[in-house]
């Protein structure tokens, strides 16, 4: 029997997802700052090169940071709500056997 997850409760789930969205909003602001800083530093070191270079750099830095933020946010959501503890381990008997 699988124990119920704390995220099955709509009130706790709403609170957890609101916290996740708050984290993602802050990370969007941080990402925009880092993209601007990266573009500035690239312009300072390389000068006026093709616009495609700056677009690719901005998209690369931005998507990488947002993907990392989303995945870490989901890990925090899962751990912080107790969802990780609500799983059953089918191999638990094999590991505990003498």
C-alpha atoms as a PDB file:
ATOM      1  CA  UNK A   1       0.000   0.000   0.000  1.00  0.00           C
ATOM      2  CA  UNK A   2       1.340   3.383  -0.992  1.00  0.00           C
ATOM      3  CA  UNK A   3       1.123   5.990   1.784  1.00  0.00           C
ATOM      4  CA  UNK A   4      -0.658   9.224   0.833  1.00  0.00           C
ATOM      5  CA  UNK A   5       1.457  12.157  -0.249  1.00  0.00           C
ATOM      6  CA  UNK A   6       1.141  15.482   1.568  1.00  0.00           C
ATOM      7  CA  UNK A   7       0.575  17.023  -1.877  1.00  0.00           C
ATOM      8  CA  UNK A   8      -2.745  15.129  -2.091  1.00  0.00           C
ATOM      9  CA  UNK A   9      -4.187  17.761   0.264  1.00  0.00           C
ATOM     10  CA  UNK A  10      -5.322  20.672  -1.976  1.00  0.00           C
ATOM     11  CA  UNK A  11      -4.489  23.315   0.641  1.00  0.00           C
ATOM     12  CA  UNK A  12      -0.918  22.086   1.128  1.00  0.00           C
ATOM     13  CA  UNK A  13      -0.471  21.637  -2.617  1.00  0.00           C
ATOM     14  CA  UNK A  14      -1.646  25.206  -3.297  1.00  0.00           C
ATOM     15  CA  UNK A  15       0.785  26.539  -0.693  1.00  0.00           C
ATOM     16  CA  UNK A  16       3.670  24.489  -2.127  1.00  0.00           C
ATOM     17  CA  UNK A  17       3.001  25.570  -5.720  1.00  0.00           C
ATOM     18  CA  UNK A  18       2.670  29.216  -4.651  1.00  0.00           C
ATOM     19  CA  UNK A  19       6.081  28.940  -2.991  1.00  0.00           C
ATOM     20  CA  UNK A  20       7.510  27.349  -6.145  1.00  0.00           C
ATOM     21  CA  UNK A  21       6.148  30.175  -8.306  1.00  0.00           C
ATOM     22  CA  UNK A  22       7.609  32.752  -5.903  1.00  0.00           C
ATOM     23  CA  UNK A  23      11.020  31.096  -6.194  1.00  0.00           C
ATOM     24  CA  UNK A  24      10.737  31.039  -9.986  1.00  0.00           C
ATOM     25  CA  UNK A  25       9.826  34.746 -10.117  1.00  0.00           C
ATOM     26  CA  UNK A  26      12.932  35.631  -8.116  1.00  0.00           C
ATOM     27  CA  UNK A  27      15.065  33.383 -10.282  1.00  0.00           C
ATOM     28  CA  UNK A  28      13.685  35.056 -13.420  1.00  0.00           C
ATOM     29  CA  UNK A  29      14.895  38.404 -12.088  1.00  0.00           C
ATOM     30  CA  UNK A  30      18.293  36.923 -11.234  1.00  0.00           C
ATOM     31  CA  UNK A  31      18.492  35.329 -14.687  1.00  0.00           C
ATOM     32  CA  UNK A  32      17.741  38.611 -16.450  1.00  0.00           C
ATOM     33  CA  UNK A  33      20.509  40.240 -14.414  1.00  0.00           C
ATOM     34  CA  UNK A  34      22.995  37.512 -15.283  1.00  0.00           C
ATOM     35  CA  UNK A  35      22.086  37.626 -18.970  1.00  0.00           C
ATOM     36  CA  UNK A  36      22.594  41.398 -19.014  1.00  0.00           C
ATOM     37  CA  UNK A  37      25.937  41.005 -17.234  1.00  0.00           C
ATOM     38  CA  UNK A  38      27.031  38.263 -19.645  1.00  0.00           C
ATOM     39  CA  UNK A  39      26.132  40.358 -22.685  1.00  0.00           C
ATOM     40  CA  UNK A  40      27.971  43.359 -21.235  1.00  0.00           C
ATOM     41  CA  UNK A  41      31.098  41.312 -20.492  1.00  0.00           C
ATOM     42  CA  UNK A  42      31.027  39.692 -23.929  1.00  0.00           C
ATOM     43  CA  UNK A  43      30.678  43.080 -25.602  1.00  0.00           C
ATOM     44  CA  UNK A  44      33.535  44.476 -23.534  1.00  0.00           C
ATOM     45  CA  UNK A  45      35.873  41.613 -24.393  1.00  0.00           C
ATOM     46  CA  UNK A  46      34.854  40.992 -28.043  1.00  0.00           C
ATOM     47  CA  UNK A  47      33.567  44.323 -29.293  1.00  0.00           C
ATOM     48  CA  UNK A  48      30.926  44.616 -31.964  1.00  0.00           C
ATOM     49  CA  UNK A  49      30.594  41.146 -33.475  1.00  0.00           C
ATOM     50  CA  UNK A  50      27.557  39.564 -35.117  1.00  0.00           C
ATOM     51  CA  UNK A  51      24.232  40.087 -33.355  1.00  0.00           C
ATOM     52  CA  UNK A  52      23.671  36.336 -33.621  1.00  0.00           C
ATOM     53  CA  UNK A  53      26.570  35.803 -31.209  1.00  0.00           C
ATOM     54  CA  UNK A  54      24.863  37.905 -28.536  1.00  0.00           C
ATOM     55  CA  UNK A  55      21.451  36.342 -29.155  1.00  0.00           C
ATOM     56  CA  UNK A  56      22.914  32.834 -28.837  1.00  0.00           C
ATOM     57  CA  UNK A  57      24.816  33.779 -25.682  1.00  0.00           C
ATOM     58  CA  UNK A  58      21.727  35.369 -24.099  1.00  0.00           C
ATOM     59  CA  UNK A  59      19.522  32.393 -24.939  1.00  0.00           C
ATOM     60  CA  UNK A  60      22.138  29.904 -23.758  1.00  0.00           C
ATOM     61  CA  UNK A  61      22.718  31.618 -20.417  1.00  0.00           C
ATOM     62  CA  UNK A  62      19.015  32.333 -19.902  1.00  0.00           C
ATOM     63  CA  UNK A  63      17.675  28.871 -20.728  1.00  0.00           C
ATOM     64  CA  UNK A  64      20.410  27.156 -18.727  1.00  0.00           C
ATOM     65  CA  UNK A  65      19.733  29.228 -15.621  1.00  0.00           C
ATOM     66  CA  UNK A  66      15.953  28.893 -15.878  1.00  0.00           C
ATOM     67  CA  UNK A  67      16.112  25.136 -16.419  1.00  0.00           C
ATOM     68  CA  UNK A  68      18.444  24.704 -13.446  1.00  0.00           C
ATOM     69  CA  UNK A  69      16.162  26.927 -11.340  1.00  0.00           C
ATOM     70  CA  UNK A  70      13.053  24.981 -12.325  1.00  0.00           C
ATOM     71  CA  UNK A  71      14.604  21.604 -11.543  1.00  0.00           C
ATOM     72  CA  UNK A  72      16.064  22.740  -8.217  1.00  0.00           C
ATOM     73  CA  UNK A  73      12.735  24.364  -7.333  1.00  0.00           C
ATOM     74  CA  UNK A  74      10.941  21.083  -7.989  1.00  0.00           C
ATOM     75  CA  UNK A  75      13.479  19.257  -5.810  1.00  0.00           C
ATOM     76  CA  UNK A  76      12.849  21.783  -3.013  1.00  0.00           C
ATOM     77  CA  UNK A  77       9.085  21.437  -3.476  1.00  0.00           C
ATOM     78  CA  UNK A  78       9.250  17.646  -3.286  1.00  0.00           C
ATOM     79  CA  UNK A  79      11.543  17.613  -0.270  1.00  0.00           C
ATOM     80  CA  UNK A  80       9.923  20.516   1.579  1.00  0.00           C
ATOM     81  CA  UNK A  81       6.401  19.111   1.436  1.00  0.00           C
ATOM     82  CA  UNK A  82       7.329  15.619   2.603  1.00  0.00           C
ATOM     83  CA  UNK A  83       6.454  14.083  -0.753  1.00  0.00           C
ATOM     84  CA  UNK A  84       9.841  12.302  -0.831  1.00  0.00           C
ATOM     85  CA  UNK A  85       9.046  10.429   2.375  1.00  0.00           C
ATOM     86  CA  UNK A  86       5.719   9.115   1.060  1.00  0.00           C
ATOM     87  CA  UNK A  87       7.237   6.532  -1.271  1.00  0.00           C
ATOM     88  CA  UNK A  88       7.542   2.812  -0.654  1.00  0.00           C
ATOM     89  CA  UNK A  89      10.779   0.994  -1.396  1.00  0.00           C
ATOM     90  CA  UNK A  90      10.165  -2.412  -3.039  1.00  0.00           C
ATOM     91  CA  UNK A  91      13.751  -3.477  -2.336  1.00  0.00           C
ATOM     92  CA  UNK A  92      13.706  -2.599   1.368  1.00  0.00           C
ATOM     93  CA  UNK A  93      13.344  -6.258   2.430  1.00  0.00           C
ATOM     94  CA  UNK A  94      16.385  -7.299   0.375  1.00  0.00           C
ATOM     95  CA  UNK A  95      18.617  -4.607   1.885  1.00  0.00           C
ATOM     96  CA  UNK A  96      17.568  -5.351   5.466  1.00  0.00           C
ATOM     97  CA  UNK A  97      18.037  -9.117   5.147  1.00  0.00           C
ATOM     98  CA  UNK A  98      21.094 -10.514   6.994  1.00  0.00           C
END
